[in-house]
Amino acid sequence: METETTIFVNVNILDKEYRIACQEHERELLQNSAYYLDKRMREVRQSGRIIGADRIAVMAALNISHEFLEQRNAQVLREQVLQERINVLQAKIERILGATTN
């Protein structure tokens, strides 16, 4: 089993550089995540209502968490609807197969 080497990636978030350890295959996702977080924190800062990097970070994190939970809830709902459709189709198939074997 091959072990992947840990690398360090520099990312900029709200004009501050951070050096983050990750696996090589995680680099792009880490950079995209940092870019997204930076964008969201800048949006919060530009709203002018929140002052201080720590408060901006908390508000951005809350906004991102809210988006994530909305998406997760929507996915659960889509899965429930799909499962109901599958159940209906399965019942129809069983009814048809039962009718043809009698």
Protein backbone atom coordinates (compact mmCIF):
# COMPACT_ATOMS: atom_id res chain seq x y z
CA MET A 1 0.00 0.00 0.00
CA GLU A 2 1.41 3.34 -1.08
CA THR A 3 1.25 6.23 1.37
CA GLU A 4 0.86 9.70 0.02
CA THR A 5 3.21 12.41 1.16
CA THR A 6 1.89 15.38 3.06
CA ILE A 7 2.41 18.66 1.26
CA PHE A 8 1.94 22.25 2.36
CA VAL A 9 -0.27 24.63 0.42
CA ASN A 10 -0.34 28.38 0.92
CA VAL A 11 -3.82 29.91 0.72
CA ASN A 12 -4.96 33.49 1.17
CA ILE A 13 -8.10 34.24 3.12
CA LEU A 14 -9.13 37.84 3.73
CA ASP A 15 -5.64 39.16 2.92
CA LYS A 16 -3.90 36.76 5.27
CA GLU A 17 -1.76 33.83 4.15
CA TYR A 18 -2.16 30.42 5.73
CA ARG A 19 0.06 27.39 5.21
CA ILE A 20 -2.07 24.26 5.32
CA ALA A 21 -0.94 20.63 5.32
CA CYS A 22 -2.81 18.23 3.06
CA GLN A 23 -2.34 15.22 0.81
CA GLU A 24 -1.40 15.89 -2.82
CA HIS A 25 -4.79 14.68 -4.09
CA GLU A 26 -6.53 17.18 -1.76
CA ARG A 27 -4.64 20.25 -3.00
CA GLU A 28 -7.17 21.46 -5.58
CA LEU A 29 -10.13 20.97 -3.26
CA LEU A 30 -8.30 22.82 -0.47
CA GLN A 31 -7.49 25.71 -2.80
CA ASN A 32 -11.09 25.86 -4.03
CA SER A 33 -12.39 25.76 -0.46
CA ALA A 34 -10.06 28.58 0.58
CA TYR A 35 -11.11 30.64 -2.45
CA TYR A 36 -14.79 30.10 -1.62
CA LEU A 37 -14.28 31.00 2.04
CA ASP A 38 -12.32 34.12 1.08
CA LYS A 39 -15.10 35.16 -1.30
CA ARG A 40 -17.79 34.66 1.34
CA MET A 41 -15.81 36.50 4.02
CA ARG A 42 -15.28 39.43 1.65
CA GLU A 43 -19.03 39.54 1.00
CA VAL A 44 -19.70 39.70 4.74
CA ARG A 45 -17.04 42.39 5.19
CA GLN A 46 -18.39 44.44 2.29
CA SER A 47 -21.87 44.42 3.82
CA GLY A 48 -20.35 46.84 6.34
CA ARG A 49 -22.34 45.51 9.27
CA ILE A 50 -19.68 43.20 10.72
CA ILE A 51 -16.28 44.42 11.92
CA GLY A 52 -13.36 42.20 12.92
CA ALA A 53 -11.93 39.18 11.14
CA ASP A 54 -13.17 36.74 13.79
CA ARG A 55 -16.76 37.99 13.53
CA ILE A 56 -16.56 38.00 9.74
CA ALA A 57 -15.31 34.40 9.83
CA VAL A 58 -18.16 33.33 12.13
CA MET A 59 -20.79 35.00 9.94
CA ALA A 60 -19.30 33.47 6.79
CA ALA A 61 -19.21 30.06 8.49
CA LEU A 62 -22.85 30.41 9.53
CA ASN A 63 -23.84 31.38 5.98
CA ILE A 64 -21.93 28.46 4.49
CA SER A 65 -23.39 26.06 7.08
CA HIS A 66 -26.88 27.32 6.27
CA GLU A 67 -26.31 26.72 2.55
CA PHE A 68 -24.95 23.26 3.25
CA LEU A 69 -27.91 22.29 5.44
CA GLU A 70 -30.38 23.60 2.85
CA GLN A 71 -28.68 21.51 0.16
CA ARG A 72 -28.59 18.44 2.40
CA ASN A 73 -32.27 18.79 3.27
CA ALA A 74 -33.14 19.22 -0.41
CA GLN A 75 -31.12 16.09 -1.21
CA VAL A 76 -32.95 14.10 1.48
CA LEU A 77 -36.28 15.27 0.04
CA ARG A 78 -35.19 14.29 -3.51
CA GLU A 79 -34.15 10.85 -2.23
CA GLN A 80 -37.51 10.38 -0.49
CA VAL A 81 -39.43 11.32 -3.65
CA LEU A 82 -37.25 8.98 -5.70
CA GLN A 83 -37.78 6.13 -3.22
CA GLU A 84 -41.55 6.68 -3.36
CA ARG A 85 -41.44 6.50 -7.17
CA ILE A 86 -39.38 3.31 -6.99
CA ASN A 87 -41.89 1.80 -4.56
CA VAL A 88 -44.80 2.66 -6.87
CA LEU A 89 -43.02 1.17 -9.88
CA GLN A 90 -42.05 -1.92 -7.92
CA ALA A 91 -45.68 -2.42 -6.84
CA LYS A 92 -46.83 -2.08 -10.46
CA ILE A 93 -44.24 -4.60 -11.64
CA GLU A 94 -45.22 -7.06 -8.92
CA ARG A 95 -48.91 -6.61 -9.78
CA ILE A 96 -48.23 -7.21 -13.48
CA LEU A 97 -46.00 -10.22 -12.81
CA GLY A 98 -48.59 -11.61 -10.41
CA ALA A 99 -51.31 -11.22 -13.03
CA THR A 100 -49.27 -13.03 -15.68
CA THR A 101 -48.41 -16.01 -13.47
CA ASN A 102 -52.04 -16.71 -12.54
